[in-house]
Amino acid sequence: MNRSIKRTLFLNTAWFWLAIAGTFVLAGCVAKTPPSDSNNVVSMPIEMFKASSNCAACHQGMKDSFGNDVSIYPEWQTSIMANAARDPYYFASVRMETKNSPQYAEAIEQKCATCHAPMAVFSNIASGEKSLLLGQQGILAPEHPLYELAVDGVSCTVCHQIPVNPADNLRHSGDLAINLDLSALERPIYGAFPITEQNAAIMKAASGYTAVQSEHVRESTICASCHELYLNFVQTDGTMSTGEDLFYEQTPYSEWLASDVSEKSTCQSCHMPAADGAAPISNITPDNLVNPFARHTFSGGNVFMLNIFKQFGEELGIPGSASALDQHIQRTEELLQTETANVFVSLVEQQADTITFKVEVDVLTGHKFPTSFPSRRSWLHVTVSDANGLVIFESGAYDQTGKIFGNENDDNPLGYEPHYEIISAPDQVQIYEPIMKNSLGQVTTLQMQAAGYLKDNRLLPSGFDKQNPPLVSAVIGNALQDPTFTGGSDSLTYQVQTGAAQGPFTVQVDLLYQSVGYRWSQNVLDSQTDEALTFGRMLKQTGNIPVKIASQTIEIE
């Protein structure tokens, strides 16, 4: 933990206990004579938001009924959410966008900061200020007055102030709808569980916020506020598209809503899994157990960036220890390898010099896989070996940089690999991915120039009807006509010439995943900005080896 965080925790803990001392004096009277004015409690000065370190005193050192540590603050601390404004790939991407569209640099930085540094952005909005992100004037400059809030990423007092979403109007694209007009001591903190007067008094004393029970914090709509992102884009004449002329950058909420998974689980079901046993919501009330208790792990799929955080934690200011990051990496890999997809391989036909086999991928996610930010991709790495272990066929091989051999997009910035139903050559690779296009129809990785997609064959969740999809998350390209590409699965056929090789033959199929594809990282590096050079240095040291999601091996006599 870095020095500034330790100091903040110390000061807040000291203040906290002073406040609590006063609160327990009041608490003895709460049941008999509740105060007529809710502000007549010991309270600390408060702005719209407070950094997570202010919440740490009460929300760590927590164990469930089985003795497992379920502390909110430490588990959140190592997440991508917590470190959304410390991500070097994010910095380099934003700088690349502003370099390519300098006339919109200010608007780009403001938009990109809204969901990566929301506390600073909404504080600025409340005071009528704009939020530059990078550089000496940006909110991420250490000398900026909002730096502590900015670098705290997607933090406690932003998510827990997002109000109920109207049933008929989904909030998205950074519309958090946080009330900017409330006075300091009127600000709510929403939570799922019933709140006693004593607990409310403790919360008020320790933080200044008013605890409010509301079930909406368990609903997927709260996640859609940022994880459903529609953007206007820069057109060929240099002007910005307007109105509903939008690029649907990420749509996991709409994908989930179009699946049958939405009938039985929410985003939080997977990404904030329930503790094994009942647990307290704070260490001040250890005997007040609730069940289910949602752990604040926020595990996703970005092992690549978590490894960068681990190796460059001190330089990037990543909170938490290396061992805590190891645990978060382990949780992320476990989620990817147990709750994402399965692979099945079966022999179709064997002739004198040809073997034909089918590969089926079954999807377990509640949204497309991959989903969200369009740099993500998954692919099939298939090898066939002869009786001596010699590889006679390989599709989907890769190197340390994450480049896929035979992938047109990795070799050529303007090309891309189509969706396949049959693969018969090593330079054909089944890659599940979105390929963006600009308004000229050319391949691009620039989000601000992306007008749509040339390809979107990302694996679909169960129940998703590709013929009647949500407008924002359609299937695009060859996969639309592929009868085996359906909600919940895809299958394709491999035809391999064995020639003079002798069997038995071993077929191995791995489903692999990258959170940042090779073309995306290369285009960022090619921008040659300071941020790109920093990211490139880190990338060179960590590499970009994909995560193995699922695997199966069969032997063909």
Protein backbone atom coordinates (compact mmCIF):
# COMPACT_ATOMS: atom_id res chain seq x y z
CA MET A 1 0.00 0.00 0.00
CA ASN A 2 1.47 3.36 -0.94
CA ARG A 3 2.30 6.00 1.69
CA SER A 4 -0.52 8.44 0.86
CA ILE A 5 -3.16 5.74 1.18
CA LYS A 6 -1.72 4.59 4.53
CA ARG A 7 -1.78 8.17 5.81
CA THR A 8 -5.36 8.70 4.62
CA LEU A 9 -6.48 5.47 6.27
CA PHE A 10 -4.80 6.48 9.53
CA LEU A 11 -6.40 9.92 9.59
CA ASN A 12 -9.83 8.63 8.62
CA THR A 13 -9.66 5.82 11.15
CA ALA A 14 -8.72 8.28 13.89
CA TRP A 15 -11.59 10.60 12.92
CA PHE A 16 -13.90 7.62 12.57
CA TRP A 17 -13.39 6.44 16.14
CA LEU A 18 -13.87 9.95 17.47
CA ALA A 19 -17.13 10.13 15.54
CA ILE A 20 -18.23 6.66 16.64
CA ALA A 21 -17.55 7.51 20.27
CA GLY A 22 -20.08 10.30 19.94
CA THR A 23 -22.46 8.13 17.98
CA PHE A 24 -22.66 5.40 20.58
CA VAL A 25 -23.53 8.01 23.17
CA LEU A 26 -26.39 9.01 20.89
CA ALA A 27 -27.16 5.42 19.97
CA GLY A 28 -28.17 4.65 23.53
CA CYS A 29 -30.95 7.18 23.12
CA VAL A 30 -32.01 6.24 19.62
CA ALA A 31 -34.49 3.57 20.58
CA LYS A 32 -36.12 5.76 23.25
CA THR A 33 -36.09 9.25 21.78
CA PRO A 34 -35.07 9.43 18.12
CA PRO A 35 -33.65 12.86 17.27
CA SER A 36 -36.14 15.13 15.54
CA ASP A 37 -33.43 16.49 13.23
CA SER A 38 -31.40 13.80 11.46
CA ASN A 39 -28.50 16.24 11.15
CA ASN A 40 -28.09 16.43 14.93
CA VAL A 41 -25.43 13.72 15.00
CA VAL A 42 -21.68 13.85 15.07
CA SER A 43 -20.64 14.24 11.43
CA MET A 44 -17.58 14.96 9.40
CA PRO A 45 -17.26 17.47 6.56
CA ILE A 46 -18.34 15.96 3.24
CA GLU A 47 -18.36 16.88 -0.42
CA MET A 48 -20.38 15.05 -3.08
CA PHE A 49 -17.97 12.12 -2.99
CA LYS A 50 -15.38 10.67 -0.68
CA ALA A 51 -12.46 8.45 -1.67
CA SER A 52 -12.63 4.76 -0.83
CA SER A 53 -10.08 5.13 1.96
CA ASN A 54 -12.81 6.91 3.94
CA CYS A 55 -14.94 3.75 3.77
CA ALA A 56 -12.12 1.37 4.65
CA ALA A 57 -12.28 1.73 8.43
CA CYS A 58 -15.72 0.09 8.63
CA HIS A 59 -15.64 -2.17 5.60
CA GLN A 60 -12.58 -4.35 6.10
CA GLY A 61 -11.72 -7.04 8.65
CA MET A 62 -15.01 -8.81 7.84
CA LYS A 63 -15.57 -12.58 7.86
CA ASP A 64 -18.54 -14.68 6.84
CA SER A 65 -20.03 -17.42 9.02
CA PHE A 66 -17.48 -19.91 7.67
CA GLY A 67 -14.55 -17.71 8.64
CA ASN A 68 -13.78 -16.54 5.10
CA ASP A 69 -12.45 -13.01 4.70
CA VAL A 70 -15.08 -11.08 2.73
CA SER A 71 -13.78 -7.57 3.42
CA ILE A 72 -15.27 -5.12 0.95
CA TYR A 73 -12.45 -2.60 0.72
CA PRO A 74 -9.48 -4.96 0.15
CA GLU A 75 -11.35 -7.10 -2.40
CA TRP A 76 -12.48 -4.08 -4.41
CA GLN A 77 -9.03 -2.46 -4.11
CA THR A 78 -7.31 -4.81 -6.58
CA SER A 79 -10.13 -4.82 -9.15
CA ILE A 80 -10.09 -3.24 -12.59
CA MET A 81 -12.97 -1.06 -11.33
CA ALA A 82 -10.86 0.39 -8.53
CA ASN A 83 -7.94 0.98 -10.89
CA ALA A 84 -9.89 2.23 -13.89
CA ALA A 85 -7.94 5.50 -13.78
CA ARG A 86 -4.55 3.82 -13.38
CA ASP A 87 -4.69 1.66 -16.53
CA PRO A 88 -1.76 2.46 -18.88
CA TYR A 89 -3.54 1.02 -21.93
CA TYR A 90 -6.47 3.32 -21.20
CA PHE A 91 -4.16 6.34 -20.96
CA ALA A 92 -2.47 5.43 -24.26
CA SER A 93 -5.80 4.82 -26.00
CA VAL A 94 -7.26 8.16 -24.91
CA ARG A 95 -4.13 9.98 -26.03
CA MET A 96 -4.23 8.21 -29.41
CA GLU A 97 -7.85 9.29 -29.86
CA THR A 98 -7.10 12.94 -29.04
CA LYS A 99 -4.06 12.91 -31.32
CA ASN A 100 -6.18 11.68 -34.23
CA SER A 101 -9.10 14.03 -33.51
CA PRO A 102 -7.48 17.07 -31.87
CA GLN A 103 -10.49 19.29 -32.60
CA TYR A 104 -12.49 17.13 -30.18
CA ALA A 105 -9.73 16.44 -27.65
CA GLU A 106 -11.50 18.14 -24.75
CA ALA A 107 -14.78 16.34 -25.40
CA ILE A 108 -13.01 12.99 -25.79
CA GLU A 109 -11.17 13.34 -22.49
CA GLN A 110 -14.35 14.39 -20.69
CA LYS A 111 -16.30 11.45 -22.11
CA CYS A 112 -13.60 8.89 -21.39
CA ALA A 113 -13.15 10.17 -17.84
CA THR A 114 -16.86 9.95 -17.04
CA CYS A 115 -16.77 6.22 -16.32
CA HIS A 116 -13.07 5.86 -15.44
CA ALA A 117 -12.83 8.77 -13.00
CA PRO A 118 -16.50 9.55 -12.29
CA MET A 119 -16.13 11.19 -8.87
CA ALA A 120 -13.85 13.88 -10.23
CA VAL A 121 -15.94 14.38 -13.37
CA PHE A 122 -19.26 14.80 -11.56
CA SER A 123 -17.64 17.05 -8.96
CA ASN A 124 -16.53 19.26 -11.85
CA ILE A 125 -19.96 19.13 -13.47
CA ALA A 126 -21.53 20.27 -10.21
CA SER A 127 -19.24 23.30 -10.13
CA GLY A 128 -19.59 24.04 -13.85
CA GLU A 129 -16.08 22.89 -14.73
CA LYS A 130 -14.86 20.62 -17.53
CA SER A 131 -12.69 17.58 -16.88
CA LEU A 132 -9.49 17.31 -18.83
CA LEU A 133 -7.99 13.91 -18.13
CA LEU A 134 -4.31 13.91 -19.10
CA GLY A 135 -1.45 16.38 -18.89
CA GLN A 136 -0.55 18.98 -16.27
CA GLN A 137 -4.06 20.46 -16.24
CA GLY A 138 -5.80 17.09 -16.11
CA ILE A 139 -7.59 15.56 -13.15
CA LEU A 140 -4.97 12.79 -13.07
CA ALA A 141 -2.15 15.26 -12.41
CA PRO A 142 -1.09 14.73 -8.75
CA GLU A 143 -1.32 18.46 -8.04
CA HIS A 144 -4.94 18.69 -9.25
CA PRO A 145 -7.39 19.29 -6.36
CA LEU A 146 -9.57 16.39 -7.56
CA TYR A 147 -6.67 13.98 -8.05
CA GLU A 148 -7.54 11.78 -5.06
CA LEU A 149 -11.09 11.31 -6.33
CA ALA A 150 -9.99 10.86 -9.94
CA VAL A 151 -7.41 8.17 -9.29
CA ASP A 152 -9.84 6.26 -7.06
CA GLY A 153 -11.59 5.02 -10.18
CA VAL A 154 -15.05 3.48 -9.93
CA SER A 155 -15.37 3.88 -6.20
CA CYS A 156 -17.80 3.27 -3.34
CA THR A 157 -19.53 6.64 -3.13
CA VAL A 158 -20.19 6.88 -6.84
CA CYS A 159 -21.87 3.49 -7.38
CA HIS A 160 -23.80 3.71 -4.12
CA GLN A 161 -25.22 7.13 -5.05
CA ILE A 162 -26.65 6.00 -8.41
CA PRO A 163 -30.46 6.13 -8.02
CA VAL A 164 -33.13 3.74 -9.28
CA ASN A 165 -33.31 3.50 -13.06
CA PRO A 166 -36.72 4.42 -14.57
CA ALA A 167 -38.45 1.30 -15.89
CA ASP A 168 -39.09 2.82 -19.31
CA ASN A 169 -35.80 4.61 -19.96
CA LEU A 170 -32.47 2.82 -19.54
CA ARG A 171 -29.67 5.12 -18.45
CA HIS A 172 -26.44 4.46 -20.35
CA SER A 173 -23.23 5.99 -21.70
CA GLY A 174 -22.13 7.48 -18.39
CA ASP A 175 -25.52 8.86 -17.35
CA LEU A 176 -25.26 8.09 -13.64
CA ALA A 177 -28.09 10.47 -12.70
CA ILE A 178 -26.45 11.31 -9.38
CA ASN A 179 -28.29 14.21 -7.79
CA LEU A 180 -25.91 17.17 -7.93
CA ASP A 181 -28.23 19.52 -6.05
CA LEU A 182 -28.39 17.82 -2.67
CA SER A 183 -26.59 19.44 0.21
CA ALA A 184 -23.71 17.63 1.86
CA LEU A 185 -25.70 16.07 4.69
CA GLU A 186 -28.62 15.05 2.46
CA ARG A 187 -26.62 12.77 0.21
CA PRO A 188 -27.82 9.12 0.20
CA ILE A 189 -25.78 5.95 0.11
CA TYR A 190 -27.96 3.16 -1.26
CA GLY A 191 -27.62 -0.41 0.01
CA ALA A 192 -29.64 -3.59 -0.30
CA PHE A 193 -30.27 -4.41 3.36
CA PRO A 194 -32.60 -3.04 6.05
CA ILE A 195 -31.07 -0.23 8.09
CA THR A 196 -31.62 0.24 11.80
CA GLU A 197 -31.64 3.70 13.31
CA GLN A 198 -28.44 2.87 15.17
CA ASN A 199 -26.69 1.76 11.98
CA ALA A 200 -27.92 4.86 10.19
CA ALA A 201 -26.52 7.03 12.97
CA ILE A 202 -23.16 5.24 12.81
CA MET A 203 -23.04 5.68 9.03
CA LYS A 204 -23.91 9.34 9.31
CA ALA A 205 -21.31 9.93 11.97
CA ALA A 206 -18.54 8.07 10.19
CA SER A 207 -19.11 9.34 6.68
CA GLY A 208 -21.72 12.10 6.60
CA TYR A 209 -23.93 10.09 4.23
CA THR A 210 -27.49 8.94 4.88
CA ALA A 211 -27.91 5.17 4.50
CA VAL A 212 -30.96 4.30 2.37
CA GLN A 213 -32.21 0.79 1.66
CA SER A 214 -32.96 0.10 -1.99
CA GLU A 215 -33.01 -3.18 -3.91
CA HIS A 216 -31.93 -1.47 -7.14
CA VAL A 217 -28.25 -1.88 -6.24
CA ARG A 218 -28.73 -5.59 -7.02
CA GLU A 219 -30.14 -4.90 -10.49
CA SER A 220 -28.24 -5.01 -13.78
CA THR A 221 -29.47 -1.55 -14.74
CA ILE A 222 -27.01 0.03 -12.32
CA CYS A 223 -24.17 -1.55 -14.33
CA ALA A 224 -25.66 -0.40 -17.63
CA SER A 225 -25.00 3.20 -16.62
CA CYS A 226 -21.45 2.74 -17.89
CA HIS A 227 -21.35 -0.73 -19.45
CA GLU A 228 -23.82 0.22 -22.16
CA LEU A 229 -21.95 2.81 -24.21
CA TYR A 230 -23.18 4.59 -27.35
CA LEU A 231 -20.98 7.20 -29.00
CA ASN A 232 -21.29 9.83 -31.69
CA PHE A 233 -18.33 9.53 -34.04
CA VAL A 234 -16.05 11.61 -36.24
CA GLN A 235 -17.16 11.41 -39.88
CA THR A 236 -15.01 11.55 -43.01
CA ASP A 237 -15.47 15.31 -43.33
CA GLY A 238 -14.17 15.82 -39.79
CA THR A 239 -17.54 16.67 -38.29
CA MET A 240 -19.14 14.76 -35.43
CA SER A 241 -22.23 12.65 -36.06
CA THR A 242 -25.30 13.93 -34.26
CA GLY A 243 -28.43 12.67 -32.57
CA GLU A 244 -29.11 8.97 -32.97
CA ASP A 245 -26.30 8.45 -35.50
CA LEU A 246 -24.35 6.39 -32.98
CA PHE A 247 -21.67 3.75 -32.67
CA TYR A 248 -22.58 1.03 -30.19
CA GLU A 249 -19.21 0.61 -28.50
CA GLN A 250 -20.28 -1.90 -25.85
CA THR A 251 -23.64 -3.43 -25.03
CA PRO A 252 -23.36 -6.21 -22.40
CA TYR A 253 -26.60 -5.12 -20.72
CA SER A 254 -28.60 -5.39 -23.97
CA GLU A 255 -26.94 -8.73 -24.72
CA TRP A 256 -27.91 -9.99 -21.27
CA LEU A 257 -31.46 -8.68 -21.62
CA ALA A 258 -31.83 -10.52 -24.95
CA SER A 259 -30.70 -13.81 -23.38
CA ASP A 260 -32.62 -16.27 -21.25
CA VAL A 261 -29.96 -15.77 -18.57
CA SER A 262 -31.66 -12.48 -17.70
CA GLU A 263 -34.62 -14.44 -16.36
CA LYS A 264 -32.56 -16.06 -13.60
CA SER A 265 -29.48 -13.96 -12.83
CA THR A 266 -28.00 -10.46 -12.94
CA CYS A 267 -24.59 -8.97 -13.65
CA GLN A 268 -23.89 -9.07 -9.92
CA SER A 269 -24.62 -12.81 -9.74
CA CYS A 270 -21.37 -13.55 -11.57
CA HIS A 271 -19.23 -10.48 -10.96
CA MET A 272 -20.14 -9.98 -7.28
CA PRO A 273 -20.62 -13.60 -6.17
CA ALA A 274 -22.31 -14.35 -2.88
CA ALA A 275 -20.17 -15.20 0.13
CA ASP A 276 -20.26 -18.84 1.20
CA GLY A 277 -22.03 -17.89 4.40
CA ALA A 278 -23.83 -15.01 6.04
CA ALA A 279 -21.66 -11.95 6.63
CA PRO A 280 -21.75 -8.54 8.30
CA ILE A 281 -21.91 -5.42 6.15
CA SER A 282 -19.39 -3.69 8.41
CA ASN A 283 -16.93 -4.52 11.16
CA ILE A 284 -18.81 -2.22 13.54
CA THR A 285 -21.78 -4.61 13.55
CA PRO A 286 -20.08 -8.04 13.30
CA ASP A 287 -23.06 -9.90 14.76
CA ASN A 288 -25.57 -8.37 12.35
CA LEU A 289 -25.24 -10.96 9.56
CA VAL A 290 -26.95 -10.78 6.18
CA ASN A 291 -27.38 -13.46 3.53
CA PRO A 292 -26.72 -13.42 0.63
CA PHE A 293 -23.79 -11.06 0.95
CA ALA A 294 -22.35 -9.87 -2.39
CA ARG A 295 -18.57 -9.87 -2.37
CA HIS A 296 -17.04 -6.79 -3.98
CA THR A 297 -14.52 -8.71 -6.10
CA PHE A 298 -15.76 -7.41 -9.47
CA SER A 299 -13.88 -10.19 -11.24
CA GLY A 300 -14.05 -9.83 -15.02
CA GLY A 301 -11.70 -11.10 -17.70
CA ASN A 302 -8.75 -8.72 -17.86
CA VAL A 303 -5.90 -10.92 -16.60
CA PHE A 304 -3.59 -9.07 -18.98
CA MET A 305 -4.00 -5.72 -17.21
CA LEU A 306 -3.98 -7.29 -13.75
CA ASN A 307 -0.55 -8.73 -14.57
CA ILE A 308 0.65 -5.26 -15.59
CA PHE A 309 -0.74 -3.89 -12.32
CA LYS A 310 1.20 -6.54 -10.43
CA GLN A 311 4.51 -5.96 -12.20
CA PHE A 312 4.28 -2.16 -12.27
CA GLY A 313 2.19 -1.58 -9.16
CA GLU A 314 4.48 0.97 -7.56
CA GLU A 315 4.88 3.01 -10.74
CA LEU A 316 1.13 3.02 -11.41
CA GLY A 317 0.17 3.60 -7.76
CA ILE A 318 -1.85 0.39 -7.55
CA PRO A 319 -3.25 -0.11 -4.02
CA GLY A 320 -3.08 -3.49 -2.36
CA SER A 321 -0.25 -5.99 -2.09
CA ALA A 322 1.23 -8.28 -4.72
CA SER A 323 -0.35 -11.24 -2.93
CA ALA A 324 -3.76 -9.52 -3.04
CA LEU A 325 -3.32 -9.00 -6.78
CA ASP A 326 -2.36 -12.66 -7.13
CA GLN A 327 -5.62 -13.61 -5.46
CA HIS A 328 -7.56 -11.32 -7.79
CA ILE A 329 -5.79 -12.78 -10.83
CA GLN A 330 -6.64 -16.27 -9.57
CA ARG A 331 -10.32 -15.33 -9.14
CA THR A 332 -10.40 -13.83 -12.63
CA GLU A 333 -8.83 -16.90 -14.22
CA GLU A 334 -11.24 -19.13 -12.32
CA LEU A 335 -14.21 -17.13 -13.61
CA LEU A 336 -12.90 -17.35 -17.17
CA GLN A 337 -12.21 -21.07 -16.95
CA THR A 338 -15.34 -22.23 -15.12
CA GLU A 339 -18.15 -19.87 -16.12
CA THR A 340 -17.39 -18.82 -19.69
CA ALA A 341 -17.48 -21.65 -22.24
CA ASN A 342 -16.87 -25.34 -22.90
CA VAL A 343 -15.30 -26.98 -25.95
CA PHE A 344 -16.26 -30.36 -27.43
CA VAL A 345 -14.48 -32.22 -30.25
CA SER A 346 -15.93 -35.16 -32.19
CA LEU A 347 -14.81 -37.21 -35.21
CA VAL A 348 -16.96 -36.80 -38.29
CA GLU A 349 -15.09 -38.85 -40.90
CA GLN A 350 -11.70 -40.48 -41.49
CA GLN A 351 -10.36 -41.30 -44.95
CA ALA A 352 -6.98 -42.48 -46.20
CA ASP A 353 -5.35 -39.04 -46.14
CA THR A 354 -7.97 -36.81 -44.51
CA ILE A 355 -9.58 -36.53 -41.10
CA THR A 356 -12.69 -34.45 -40.56
CA PHE A 357 -13.79 -33.42 -37.09
CA LYS A 358 -16.29 -31.05 -35.54
CA VAL A 359 -15.58 -28.48 -32.84
CA GLU A 360 -18.45 -27.14 -30.76
CA VAL A 361 -18.21 -24.20 -28.37
CA ASP A 362 -20.96 -23.92 -25.76
CA VAL A 363 -21.39 -20.55 -24.07
CA LEU A 364 -22.01 -20.14 -20.34
CA THR A 365 -21.95 -16.34 -20.09
CA GLY A 366 -24.99 -14.09 -19.78
CA HIS A 367 -23.75 -11.81 -22.56
CA LYS A 368 -21.69 -12.16 -25.71
CA PHE A 369 -18.24 -13.62 -25.28
CA PRO A 370 -16.10 -11.62 -25.49
CA THR A 371 -18.14 -8.58 -24.52
CA SER A 372 -17.76 -4.88 -23.68
CA PHE A 373 -14.65 -3.08 -24.96
CA PRO A 374 -14.07 -4.14 -28.60
CA SER A 375 -10.34 -4.88 -28.24
CA ARG A 376 -11.26 -8.28 -26.81
CA ARG A 377 -11.20 -11.49 -28.79
CA SER A 378 -11.37 -15.25 -28.38
CA TRP A 379 -10.20 -17.89 -30.83
CA LEU A 380 -9.71 -21.60 -31.45
CA HIS A 381 -6.17 -22.93 -31.36
CA VAL A 382 -6.31 -26.34 -33.04
CA THR A 383 -3.45 -28.82 -33.49
CA VAL A 384 -3.32 -32.27 -35.05
CA SER A 385 -0.31 -34.46 -34.21
CA ASP A 386 0.76 -37.83 -35.65
CA ALA A 387 1.80 -40.99 -33.82
CA ASN A 388 5.27 -39.54 -33.16
CA GLY A 389 3.89 -36.31 -31.66
CA LEU A 390 4.79 -34.27 -34.75
CA VAL A 391 2.31 -31.46 -35.40
CA ILE A 392 0.99 -31.88 -38.94
CA PHE A 393 -1.68 -29.15 -38.74
CA GLU A 394 -2.05 -26.02 -36.61
CA SER A 395 -4.57 -23.19 -36.77
CA GLY A 396 -4.56 -20.30 -34.31
CA ALA A 397 -0.94 -20.41 -33.13
CA TYR A 398 0.34 -17.25 -31.44
CA ASP A 399 3.51 -15.64 -30.10
CA GLN A 400 4.56 -13.80 -26.93
CA THR A 401 3.19 -10.49 -28.23
CA GLY A 402 -0.27 -11.98 -28.67
CA LYS A 403 -0.11 -12.05 -32.47
CA ILE A 404 -2.16 -14.85 -34.05
CA PHE A 405 -0.40 -16.51 -36.97
CA GLY A 406 -2.59 -16.56 -40.06
CA ASN A 407 -4.90 -13.82 -38.81
CA GLU A 408 -5.34 -11.27 -41.57
CA ASN A 409 -6.01 -8.43 -39.12
CA ASP A 410 -2.78 -9.01 -37.21
CA ASP A 411 -0.79 -8.99 -40.46
CA ASN A 412 -2.66 -6.16 -42.16
CA PRO A 413 -4.31 -3.22 -40.32
CA LEU A 414 -6.97 -2.98 -43.02
CA GLY A 415 -7.78 -6.69 -43.22
CA TYR A 416 -9.61 -9.11 -40.96
CA GLU A 417 -10.39 -12.79 -40.62
CA PRO A 418 -13.92 -13.84 -41.66
CA HIS A 419 -16.18 -16.13 -39.66
CA TYR A 420 -15.76 -19.75 -40.77
CA GLU A 421 -18.01 -22.78 -41.03
CA ILE A 422 -15.24 -24.99 -42.46
CA ILE A 423 -11.49 -24.66 -41.86
CA SER A 424 -9.06 -26.62 -44.03
CA ALA A 425 -5.83 -24.56 -43.96
CA PRO A 426 -3.50 -23.31 -41.20
CA ASP A 427 -3.98 -19.67 -42.23
CA GLN A 428 -7.70 -19.91 -41.51
CA VAL A 429 -8.51 -19.13 -37.87
CA GLN A 430 -11.86 -19.00 -36.13
CA ILE A 431 -11.74 -15.76 -34.15
CA TYR A 432 -14.75 -14.55 -32.17
CA GLU A 433 -14.43 -10.77 -32.23
CA PRO A 434 -15.85 -7.41 -33.28
CA ILE A 435 -14.13 -5.61 -36.17
CA MET A 436 -14.96 -1.90 -36.26
CA LYS A 437 -15.29 0.20 -39.41
CA ASN A 438 -15.06 3.94 -40.02
CA SER A 439 -17.54 5.91 -42.11
CA LEU A 440 -15.61 4.89 -45.26
CA GLY A 441 -16.10 1.22 -44.41
CA GLN A 442 -12.43 0.69 -43.53
CA VAL A 443 -11.16 -1.33 -40.58
CA THR A 444 -10.27 0.86 -37.60
CA THR A 445 -9.48 0.60 -33.90
CA LEU A 446 -10.18 4.30 -33.31
CA GLN A 447 -13.37 4.43 -31.29
CA MET A 448 -14.07 8.06 -32.16
CA GLN A 449 -13.97 7.19 -35.86
CA ALA A 450 -15.92 3.94 -35.56
CA ALA A 451 -19.26 4.14 -37.36
CA GLY A 452 -20.20 0.48 -37.00
CA TYR A 453 -18.93 -3.06 -37.43
CA LEU A 454 -17.73 -5.10 -40.39
CA LYS A 455 -17.81 -8.27 -38.31
CA ASP A 456 -19.35 -9.28 -35.00
CA ASN A 457 -19.36 -13.03 -34.48
CA ARG A 458 -18.83 -12.94 -30.75
CA LEU A 459 -20.34 -16.02 -29.13
CA LEU A 460 -23.97 -15.45 -28.15
CA PRO A 461 -25.56 -16.15 -24.78
CA SER A 462 -28.23 -18.80 -24.47
CA GLY A 463 -31.60 -17.63 -25.77
CA PHE A 464 -30.21 -14.80 -27.92
CA ASP A 465 -32.08 -14.71 -31.26
CA LYS A 466 -29.64 -13.49 -33.89
CA GLN A 467 -32.44 -12.96 -36.41
CA ASN A 468 -34.26 -10.60 -34.05
CA PRO A 469 -31.50 -9.03 -31.98
CA PRO A 470 -31.50 -5.74 -30.12
CA LEU A 471 -30.59 -2.97 -32.55
CA VAL A 472 -27.46 -2.19 -30.55
CA SER A 473 -25.99 -5.72 -30.47
CA ALA A 474 -26.62 -7.42 -33.81
CA VAL A 475 -24.62 -10.27 -35.33
CA ILE A 476 -22.71 -8.97 -38.35
CA GLY A 477 -20.92 -10.79 -41.17
CA ASN A 478 -20.83 -14.46 -42.15
CA ALA A 479 -22.01 -15.65 -38.73
CA LEU A 480 -25.47 -14.29 -39.47
CA GLN A 481 -25.92 -16.92 -42.21
CA ASP A 482 -24.19 -19.75 -40.31
CA PRO A 483 -26.96 -22.13 -39.15
CA THR A 484 -24.75 -23.56 -36.39
CA PHE A 485 -23.98 -20.13 -34.90
CA THR A 486 -26.86 -19.70 -32.46
CA GLY A 487 -27.72 -18.44 -29.02
CA GLY A 488 -25.57 -20.53 -26.70
CA SER A 489 -23.22 -22.25 -29.15
CA ASP A 490 -21.24 -22.36 -32.36
CA SER A 491 -19.83 -25.34 -34.24
CA LEU A 492 -17.54 -25.68 -37.23
CA THR A 493 -15.80 -28.39 -39.20
CA TYR A 494 -12.06 -28.93 -39.63
CA GLN A 495 -10.75 -30.88 -42.62
CA VAL A 496 -7.09 -31.88 -42.20
CA GLN A 497 -4.90 -33.51 -44.83
CA THR A 498 -2.75 -36.14 -43.13
CA GLY A 499 -0.69 -37.09 -46.20
CA ALA A 500 1.89 -39.75 -45.37
CA ALA A 501 1.68 -39.16 -41.60
CA GLN A 502 0.83 -42.20 -39.51
CA GLY A 503 -1.84 -42.37 -36.84
CA PRO A 504 -3.19 -42.54 -34.30
CA PHE A 505 -3.72 -38.78 -34.54
CA THR A 506 -4.18 -36.49 -31.55
CA VAL A 507 -6.50 -33.51 -31.95
CA GLN A 508 -6.25 -30.76 -29.34
CA VAL A 509 -8.56 -27.76 -29.30
CA ASP A 510 -8.08 -24.78 -26.98
CA LEU A 511 -10.43 -21.82 -26.71
CA LEU A 512 -8.20 -18.83 -25.96
CA TYR A 513 -8.96 -15.27 -24.87
CA GLN A 514 -7.22 -11.88 -24.98
CA SER A 515 -8.52 -8.65 -23.47
CA VAL A 516 -6.34 -6.57 -25.81
CA GLY A 517 -5.85 -8.01 -29.29
CA TYR A 518 -2.58 -7.60 -31.17
CA ARG A 519 -3.88 -5.09 -33.74
CA TRP A 520 -5.29 -2.91 -30.98
CA SER A 521 -2.03 -2.83 -29.04
CA GLN A 522 0.03 -2.27 -32.20
CA ASN A 523 -2.08 0.66 -33.33
CA VAL A 524 -1.68 2.26 -29.91
CA LEU A 525 2.09 1.71 -30.00
CA ASP A 526 2.26 3.16 -33.51
CA SER A 527 0.79 6.43 -32.22
CA GLN A 528 4.17 7.10 -30.54
CA THR A 529 2.77 9.27 -27.76
CA ASP A 530 4.40 9.37 -24.34
CA GLU A 531 1.56 7.27 -22.97
CA ALA A 532 2.01 4.74 -25.78
CA LEU A 533 5.73 4.46 -25.05
CA THR A 534 4.98 3.80 -21.37
CA PHE A 535 2.40 1.16 -22.25
CA GLY A 536 4.80 -0.39 -24.78
CA ARG A 537 7.53 -0.72 -22.17
CA MET A 538 5.15 -2.50 -19.82
CA LEU A 539 3.74 -4.68 -22.60
CA LYS A 540 7.22 -5.79 -23.64
CA GLN A 541 7.98 -7.00 -20.14
CA THR A 542 4.66 -8.72 -19.39
CA GLY A 543 3.88 -10.07 -22.85
CA ASN A 544 0.33 -10.76 -24.00
CA ILE A 545 -0.16 -14.49 -23.64
CA PRO A 546 -3.86 -15.43 -23.91
CA VAL A 547 -5.84 -17.18 -21.20
CA LYS A 548 -6.97 -20.72 -21.94
CA ILE A 549 -10.73 -20.76 -21.41
CA ALA A 550 -11.49 -24.38 -22.26
CA SER A 551 -9.78 -27.34 -23.89
CA GLN A 552 -10.42 -30.86 -25.16
CA THR A 553 -8.20 -33.53 -26.68
CA ILE A 554 -9.30 -36.62 -28.61
CA GLU A 555 -7.39 -39.43 -30.28
CA ILE A 556 -8.29 -40.69 -33.74
CA GLU A 557 -7.04 -44.18 -34.64
